[in-house]
Protein backbone atom coordinates (compact mmCIF):
# COMPACT_ATOMS: atom_id res chain seq x y z
CA MET A 1 0.00 0.00 0.00
CA ARG A 2 2.74 2.49 0.93
CA GLN A 3 4.59 1.78 -2.32
CA ALA A 4 1.42 2.28 -4.35
CA LEU A 5 0.63 5.59 -2.68
CA THR A 6 4.10 6.97 -3.41
CA ASP A 7 4.48 5.54 -6.91
CA PRO A 8 4.98 8.51 -9.32
CA GLU A 9 3.14 6.78 -12.17
CA ILE A 10 0.07 6.09 -10.01
CA ALA A 11 0.16 9.65 -8.64
CA ALA A 12 0.27 11.01 -12.20
CA GLN A 13 -2.72 8.92 -13.26
CA ILE A 14 -4.72 10.02 -10.24
CA GLY A 15 -3.85 13.66 -10.88
CA ARG A 16 -5.68 13.56 -14.21
CA GLY A 17 -9.17 13.53 -12.75
CA ASN A 18 -11.53 12.52 -9.98
CA VAL A 19 -10.51 9.53 -7.85
CA VAL A 20 -12.97 6.70 -7.32
CA VAL A 21 -11.95 3.85 -5.01
CA VAL A 22 -13.82 0.56 -5.42
CA ALA A 23 -13.27 -1.13 -2.08
CA GLY A 24 -14.05 -4.72 -1.22
CA LYS A 25 -12.74 -7.59 0.84
CA ALA A 26 -10.22 -9.19 -1.46
CA ASN A 27 -9.03 -11.76 1.08
CA LEU A 28 -11.62 -13.74 3.03
CA ALA A 29 -8.86 -15.13 5.24
CA ALA A 30 -8.04 -11.68 6.65
CA LEU A 31 -9.91 -9.46 9.09
CA GLY A 32 -12.09 -6.85 7.40
CA THR A 33 -10.56 -4.00 9.42
CA LEU A 34 -7.37 -4.36 7.36
CA GLN A 35 -9.32 -3.41 4.22
CA THR A 36 -10.95 -0.48 6.04
CA ASP A 37 -7.54 0.76 7.18
CA ALA A 38 -6.26 0.55 3.60
CA VAL A 39 -9.17 2.67 2.36
CA LEU A 40 -8.47 5.26 5.07
CA LYS A 41 -4.84 5.43 3.93
CA VAL A 42 -6.01 6.19 0.39
CA LEU A 43 -8.36 8.90 1.68
CA GLU A 44 -5.49 10.47 3.62
CA ALA A 45 -3.55 10.76 0.38
CA TRP A 46 -6.56 11.88 -1.73
CA PRO A 47 -9.21 13.38 0.62
CA GLY A 48 -11.63 14.08 -2.24
CA ALA A 49 -11.80 10.47 -3.41
CA LYS A 50 -15.18 8.78 -3.68
CA VAL A 51 -15.44 5.27 -2.22
CA LEU A 52 -17.79 2.71 -3.76
CA PRO A 53 -18.30 -0.51 -1.75
CA ALA A 54 -17.82 -3.67 -3.82
CA TYR A 55 -20.27 -5.95 -2.06
CA ARG A 56 -20.72 -9.44 -3.43
CA ARG A 57 -24.49 -9.36 -3.86
CA GLY A 58 -26.84 -6.89 -5.48
CA ASN A 59 -28.82 -4.41 -3.36
CA VAL A 60 -26.61 -4.80 -0.28
CA VAL A 61 -26.14 -1.02 -0.22
CA GLY A 62 -29.92 -0.57 -0.17
CA ALA A 63 -30.34 -3.10 2.63
CA ILE A 64 -27.69 -1.36 4.74
CA GLN A 65 -29.12 2.10 4.12
CA VAL A 66 -32.58 1.11 5.30
CA GLY A 67 -31.20 -0.39 8.50
CA MET A 68 -30.42 -4.07 7.84
CA SER A 69 -26.99 -3.87 9.46
CA PRO A 70 -25.67 -3.73 13.03
CA GLY A 71 -26.15 -0.34 14.64
CA PRO A 72 -24.03 1.06 17.49
CA GLY A 73 -23.41 -1.80 19.87
CA GLY A 74 -24.92 -4.29 17.43
CA ASN A 75 -23.54 -7.72 16.73
CA SER A 76 -21.70 -8.97 13.67
CA THR A 77 -22.57 -12.28 12.02
CA ALA A 78 -19.64 -13.93 13.79
CA LYS A 79 -20.83 -12.62 17.18
CA ILE A 80 -24.43 -13.74 16.56
CA LEU A 81 -23.22 -17.22 15.64
CA ALA A 82 -20.97 -17.37 18.70
CA ASP A 83 -23.92 -16.37 20.90
CA ALA A 84 -26.07 -19.04 19.25
CA ALA A 85 -23.40 -21.62 19.97
CA ALA A 86 -23.29 -20.43 23.60
CA GLY A 87 -27.08 -20.69 23.90
CA THR A 88 -27.79 -16.98 24.40
CA VAL A 89 -29.39 -16.62 20.96
CA LYS A 90 -32.37 -18.97 20.64
CA CYS A 91 -33.54 -18.34 17.07
CA LEU A 92 -31.86 -17.41 13.79
CA VAL A 93 -33.92 -15.92 10.94
CA LEU A 94 -31.83 -16.26 7.78
CA VAL A 95 -32.95 -14.13 4.82
CA GLY A 96 -31.29 -15.51 1.70
CA VAL A 97 -28.25 -16.57 3.74
CA ASP A 98 -26.38 -19.84 3.24
CA LEU A 99 -24.11 -19.94 6.27
CA VAL A 100 -22.81 -23.44 5.59
CA SER A 101 -21.44 -22.54 2.18
CA ASP A 102 -20.90 -18.81 2.42
CA PHE A 103 -19.53 -17.89 5.85
CA PRO A 104 -15.70 -18.04 5.94
CA ASP A 105 -15.51 -20.06 9.17
CA ALA A 106 -17.08 -23.52 9.03
CA GLN A 107 -16.27 -24.31 12.66
CA THR A 108 -18.22 -21.32 13.98
CA VAL A 109 -21.22 -22.14 11.76
CA GLU A 110 -21.28 -25.78 12.79
CA SER A 111 -21.08 -24.88 16.48
CA ALA A 112 -24.07 -22.55 16.09
CA LEU A 113 -26.28 -24.87 14.04
CA SER A 114 -25.54 -27.83 16.31
CA SER A 115 -26.38 -25.93 19.49
CA GLY A 116 -30.13 -26.50 19.34
CA VAL A 117 -30.89 -23.00 18.07
CA SER A 118 -34.13 -22.72 16.06
CA VAL A 119 -33.51 -21.78 12.42
CA ILE A 120 -36.01 -20.11 10.11
CA ALA A 121 -34.78 -19.81 6.52
CA VAL A 122 -36.32 -17.40 4.01
CA ASP A 123 -34.87 -18.52 0.71
CA THR A 124 -35.54 -19.28 -2.93
CA PHE A 125 -33.83 -22.68 -2.97
CA LEU A 126 -33.01 -25.37 -0.43
CA SER A 127 -29.41 -24.36 0.18
CA PRO A 128 -27.22 -26.50 2.47
CA THR A 129 -28.21 -24.22 5.35
CA ALA A 130 -31.92 -24.20 4.48
CA GLN A 131 -31.84 -28.01 4.50
CA ARG A 132 -30.92 -27.83 8.20
CA ALA A 133 -33.57 -25.23 9.08
CA HIS A 134 -36.59 -26.05 11.21
CA VAL A 135 -38.84 -23.89 9.02
CA VAL A 136 -38.29 -22.85 5.38
CA LEU A 137 -40.35 -19.99 3.94
CA ALA A 138 -40.20 -20.02 0.14
CA ALA A 139 -39.26 -16.60 -1.26
CA ALA A 140 -39.76 -15.37 -4.81
CA ALA A 141 -36.63 -15.24 -6.94
CA ALA A 142 -35.29 -12.37 -9.03
CA GLY A 143 -37.64 -11.81 -11.94
CA GLU A 144 -40.57 -13.12 -9.91
CA LYS A 145 -41.13 -9.92 -7.93
CA SER A 146 -41.26 -6.16 -8.33
CA GLY A 147 -39.51 -3.54 -6.22
CA THR A 148 -36.38 -1.42 -6.25
CA VAL A 149 -32.65 -2.05 -6.24
CA THR A 150 -29.91 0.27 -4.98
CA ASN A 151 -26.51 -0.13 -6.64
CA ILE A 152 -23.09 0.57 -5.11
CA GLU A 153 -23.33 4.23 -6.16
CA GLY A 154 -26.57 4.58 -4.20
CA ARG A 155 -28.68 4.82 -7.36
CA VAL A 156 -32.20 3.50 -6.84
CA GLN A 157 -33.96 1.92 -9.81
CA THR A 158 -37.13 -0.09 -10.20
CA VAL A 159 -37.24 -3.78 -11.06
CA ALA A 160 -40.32 -5.36 -12.58
CA GLN A 161 -41.78 -8.84 -12.22
CA LYS A 162 -41.33 -10.77 -15.46
CA ILE A 163 -42.58 -14.27 -14.63
CA ASN A 164 -44.94 -15.88 -12.16
CA VAL A 165 -43.62 -17.26 -8.90
CA ALA A 166 -43.02 -20.97 -8.50
CA GLY A 167 -45.54 -22.77 -6.33
CA THR A 168 -46.46 -20.87 -3.17
CA SER A 169 -43.35 -18.68 -3.09
CA ARG A 170 -43.96 -15.07 -2.08
CA PRO A 171 -41.97 -11.82 -2.25
CA ASP A 172 -39.87 -11.11 0.82
CA TRP A 173 -41.99 -8.13 1.89
CA MET A 174 -45.09 -10.34 2.07
CA ILE A 175 -43.25 -12.88 4.23
CA ALA A 176 -41.98 -10.13 6.55
CA THR A 177 -45.48 -8.64 6.83
CA GLU A 178 -47.05 -11.95 7.81
CA LEU A 179 -44.29 -12.81 10.28
CA ALA A 180 -44.78 -9.44 11.95
CA SER A 181 -48.56 -9.96 12.04
CA ARG A 182 -48.15 -13.34 13.74
CA LEU A 183 -45.92 -11.64 16.31
CA GLY A 184 -48.58 -9.03 16.97
CA THR A 185 -47.35 -6.14 14.80
CA ASP A 186 -49.12 -4.68 11.78
CA LEU A 187 -46.51 -3.22 9.41
CA GLY A 188 -49.27 -1.72 7.28
CA PHE A 189 -47.86 -2.91 3.96
CA THR A 190 -50.36 -3.90 1.30
CA SER A 191 -48.24 -3.57 -1.86
CA VAL A 192 -44.70 -3.01 -3.11
CA ASP A 193 -45.50 0.67 -3.55
CA SER A 194 -46.57 0.95 0.10
CA VAL A 195 -43.16 -0.41 1.13
CA THR A 196 -41.38 2.09 -1.14
CA GLU A 197 -43.52 4.93 0.27
CA ALA A 198 -42.63 3.88 3.84
CA ILE A 199 -38.91 3.88 3.02
CA ALA A 200 -39.19 7.35 1.45
CA ALA A 201 -40.98 8.61 4.56
CA SER A 202 -38.68 7.10 7.18
CA VAL A 203 -35.15 6.87 5.68
CA PRO A 204 -33.61 10.33 5.12
CA ALA A 205 -31.43 9.25 2.19
CA TYR A 206 -34.57 8.03 0.38
CA ALA A 207 -36.68 11.12 1.01
CA GLY A 208 -38.55 11.92 -2.17
CA ILE A 209 -37.73 8.57 -3.79
CA THR A 210 -41.38 7.59 -4.11
CA PRO A 211 -42.95 5.23 -6.64
CA ALA A 212 -44.18 8.23 -8.64
CA ALA A 213 -40.73 9.86 -8.67
CA LEU A 214 -39.09 6.59 -9.76
CA ARG A 215 -41.54 6.17 -12.62
CA ASP A 216 -40.45 9.56 -13.98
CA ALA A 217 -36.70 8.90 -13.52
CA ARG A 218 -35.45 6.77 -16.36
CA ASP A 219 -31.94 6.49 -14.89
CA GLY A 220 -33.07 6.16 -11.30
CA LEU A 221 -32.52 8.46 -8.34
CA LEU A 222 -29.56 8.82 -6.00
CA ALA A 223 -29.94 7.94 -2.33
CA VAL A 224 -26.82 9.19 -0.56
CA PRO A 225 -27.03 9.25 3.24
CA ALA A 226 -25.44 11.98 5.32
CA PRO A 227 -22.18 11.03 7.08
CA THR A 228 -22.87 9.34 10.39
CA GLY A 229 -19.39 9.51 11.84
CA THR A 230 -15.68 9.33 11.17
CA LEU A 231 -13.86 6.06 10.68
CA GLN A 232 -10.65 5.63 12.60
CA GLN A 233 -7.67 3.44 11.91
CA SER A 234 -8.07 0.19 13.85
CA GLY A 235 -4.39 0.01 14.73
CA GLN A 236 -4.38 -3.69 13.84
CA GLN A 237 -1.55 -4.95 11.71
CA ALA A 238 -0.93 -8.26 10.06
CA PRO A 239 1.85 -10.09 11.90
CA PRO A 240 5.08 -10.50 9.96
CA ALA A 241 5.58 -13.71 8.05
CA SER A 242 7.40 -16.39 10.00
CA GLY A 243 9.83 -17.20 7.19
CA TYR A 244 8.53 -20.76 7.05
CA ASP A 245 4.74 -20.57 6.83
CA TYR A 246 2.85 -19.13 3.86
CA ARG A 247 0.33 -16.28 4.09
CA VAL A 248 -3.10 -17.53 2.93
CA LEU A 249 -5.21 -15.61 0.42
CA VAL A 250 -8.80 -16.69 -0.23
CA SER A 251 -11.21 -15.07 -2.67
CA ARG A 252 -14.31 -15.86 -4.69
CA GLU A 253 -14.65 -16.77 -8.33
CA LEU A 254 -17.59 -15.98 -10.56
CA TYR A 255 -18.77 -19.60 -10.67
CA ASP A 256 -18.88 -21.61 -7.46
CA LEU A 257 -21.19 -23.83 -5.40
CA GLY A 258 -23.56 -20.97 -4.63
CA VAL A 259 -27.09 -22.35 -4.78
CA ASN A 260 -28.21 -19.96 -7.52
CA ASN A 261 -25.35 -21.13 -9.73
CA GLN A 262 -25.99 -24.77 -8.98
CA MET A 263 -29.71 -24.55 -9.70
CA SER A 264 -28.98 -23.19 -13.19
CA PRO A 265 -28.24 -26.05 -15.63
CA SER A 266 -26.11 -23.77 -17.81
CA LEU A 267 -23.96 -22.55 -14.89
CA ALA A 268 -23.74 -25.54 -12.55
CA GLY A 269 -20.78 -27.15 -14.30
CA LEU A 270 -18.64 -24.02 -14.62
CA ALA A 271 -17.08 -24.01 -11.15
CA ARG A 272 -13.39 -24.83 -11.61
CA GLY A 273 -12.93 -26.83 -8.42
CA MET A 274 -10.82 -26.60 -5.28
CA ARG A 275 -7.08 -26.11 -5.76
CA ILE A 276 -4.13 -24.12 -4.46
CA HIS A 277 -1.90 -21.65 -6.31
CA MET A 278 1.72 -20.85 -5.46
CA ASN A 279 4.46 -18.70 -6.91
CA PRO A 280 6.56 -20.88 -9.29
CA VAL A 281 9.70 -20.20 -7.23
CA ASP A 282 7.98 -21.41 -4.06
CA LEU A 283 6.60 -24.42 -5.90
CA GLU A 284 10.09 -25.36 -7.03
CA ARG A 285 11.36 -24.86 -3.49
CA VAL A 286 8.73 -27.26 -2.14
CA GLY A 287 9.74 -29.75 -4.82
CA VAL A 288 6.33 -30.47 -6.33
CA PRO A 289 5.60 -30.29 -10.07
CA ALA A 290 2.70 -28.28 -11.47
CA GLY A 291 -0.44 -30.37 -11.14
CA GLY A 292 1.01 -32.33 -8.25
CA SER A 293 -0.38 -32.50 -4.72
CA VAL A 294 0.58 -30.68 -1.54
CA ARG A 295 -0.74 -30.76 1.99
CA ILE A 296 -1.83 -27.40 3.40
CA THR A 297 -2.14 -27.18 7.18
CA THR A 298 -3.56 -24.24 9.14
CA GLU A 299 -4.50 -23.86 12.79
CA ARG A 300 -8.01 -25.04 11.83
CA GLY A 301 -7.27 -28.13 9.74
CA SER A 302 -5.40 -29.84 6.93
CA ARG A 303 -6.15 -30.83 3.35
CA VAL A 304 -4.42 -32.28 0.30
CA LEU A 305 -4.92 -30.20 -2.86
CA THR A 306 -3.71 -30.02 -6.43
CA VAL A 307 -1.20 -27.20 -6.82
CA HIS A 308 -0.84 -24.78 -9.74
CA PRO A 309 2.00 -22.31 -10.45
CA ASP A 310 0.92 -18.65 -10.46
CA SER A 311 3.50 -15.98 -11.23
CA GLY A 312 1.00 -13.29 -10.18
CA LEU A 313 1.37 -14.30 -6.53
CA ALA A 314 4.00 -12.80 -4.27
CA ARG A 315 6.57 -15.12 -2.77
CA TRP A 316 5.51 -16.89 0.43
CA THR A 317 1.80 -16.56 -0.30
CA VAL A 318 -0.72 -19.15 -1.44
CA TRP A 319 -4.17 -18.56 -2.94
CA MET A 320 -7.29 -20.73 -2.81
CA PRO A 321 -10.80 -20.16 -4.22
CA PHE A 322 -13.83 -20.07 -1.93
CA ASN A 323 -16.80 -22.46 -2.06
CA GLN A 324 -15.62 -24.72 -4.86
CA PRO A 325 -16.28 -28.40 -5.66
CA GLY A 326 -13.82 -30.67 -3.93
CA GLY A 327 -14.11 -29.20 -0.44
CA GLY A 328 -14.62 -25.73 0.96
CA VAL A 329 -11.75 -23.67 2.27
CA ASN A 330 -13.90 -22.28 5.11
CA ASP A 331 -12.92 -25.18 7.36
CA LEU A 332 -9.27 -24.03 7.11
CA ILE A 333 -9.74 -20.38 8.08
CA SER A 334 -11.23 -18.41 10.98
CA ALA A 335 -13.55 -15.41 10.98
CA SER A 336 -11.70 -13.91 13.95
CA GLY A 337 -8.07 -14.23 12.89
CA ILE A 338 -6.28 -11.12 11.62
CA VAL A 339 -4.67 -13.24 8.89
CA ALA A 340 -4.20 -16.95 8.21
CA ASP A 341 -0.87 -18.69 7.74
CA ALA A 342 -0.31 -22.21 6.52
CA ARG A 343 2.36 -24.83 6.23
CA ILE A 344 2.84 -26.42 2.80
CA GLU A 345 4.30 -29.92 2.62
CA THR A 346 4.74 -32.65 0.06
CA VAL A 347 2.60 -35.79 0.24
């Protein structure tokens, strides 16, 4: 990061116009605060830069802006799962969430789901997590429901229903309305437009973004919330490499074992499979040919994988894809570790 910020060529490119930083979590085996600290370093160098969050799924920005995220003193997913494992959380309501496949810490997920906690899954397909739920509420898929979507810029656009729902599936807002009713609360929603009107009336960033206004805005409308505070550097730093272990990098690929991919006949076979990549110099040092097998061992577990040379990797690092056929990497990493290191051995 420091080298990039002081590189004359990068500085010259940035000096030509506005700076937009697309920030996401590139390494699932590292703590998210490291990415936040990196963004803050960029903003120190270029205070006028705009940051766009590269979330994995669509409409995450919209969900966060209307309040579907931990507030001050709220709990992260990892903390909720730990509390479920400890017995202090009695029920999990999972909205389109496949913890078994998608959370980068299989041990934490298994401890929670095996604790006796009640699980209600609101999902389109029977994902590995939904298969373990006590109750599954079938939700309409994309294309089966109308509403709005907010992209990473904060631009709100309408989406229209194109096909009928399968079976007794219902849009998420209908499911939420009935759940609230059964718990004694009337949300007052009778249509998609009534939900959009409620958001416009109660969420400052969406003030004026009514169904009527959206119908007149071909390119959508911007919902940009006012700043709520100032981020501070966490002070956390990745420990230096040991000189023997390898730093683990884990990231997603376009095609994986995600349930939406796997339920599509044209996409299901495109996942490339579990494997490990190493710098060719490191691979030669280990003494394994390309396409051979190595054993990777972390503090969480061990696995034998096919190894591929990758000159794009720095020395003393290894890369693995997330949620691929042939075994998930989430049983080798932890959601609480700052970074993950591994030992690579021949087999």
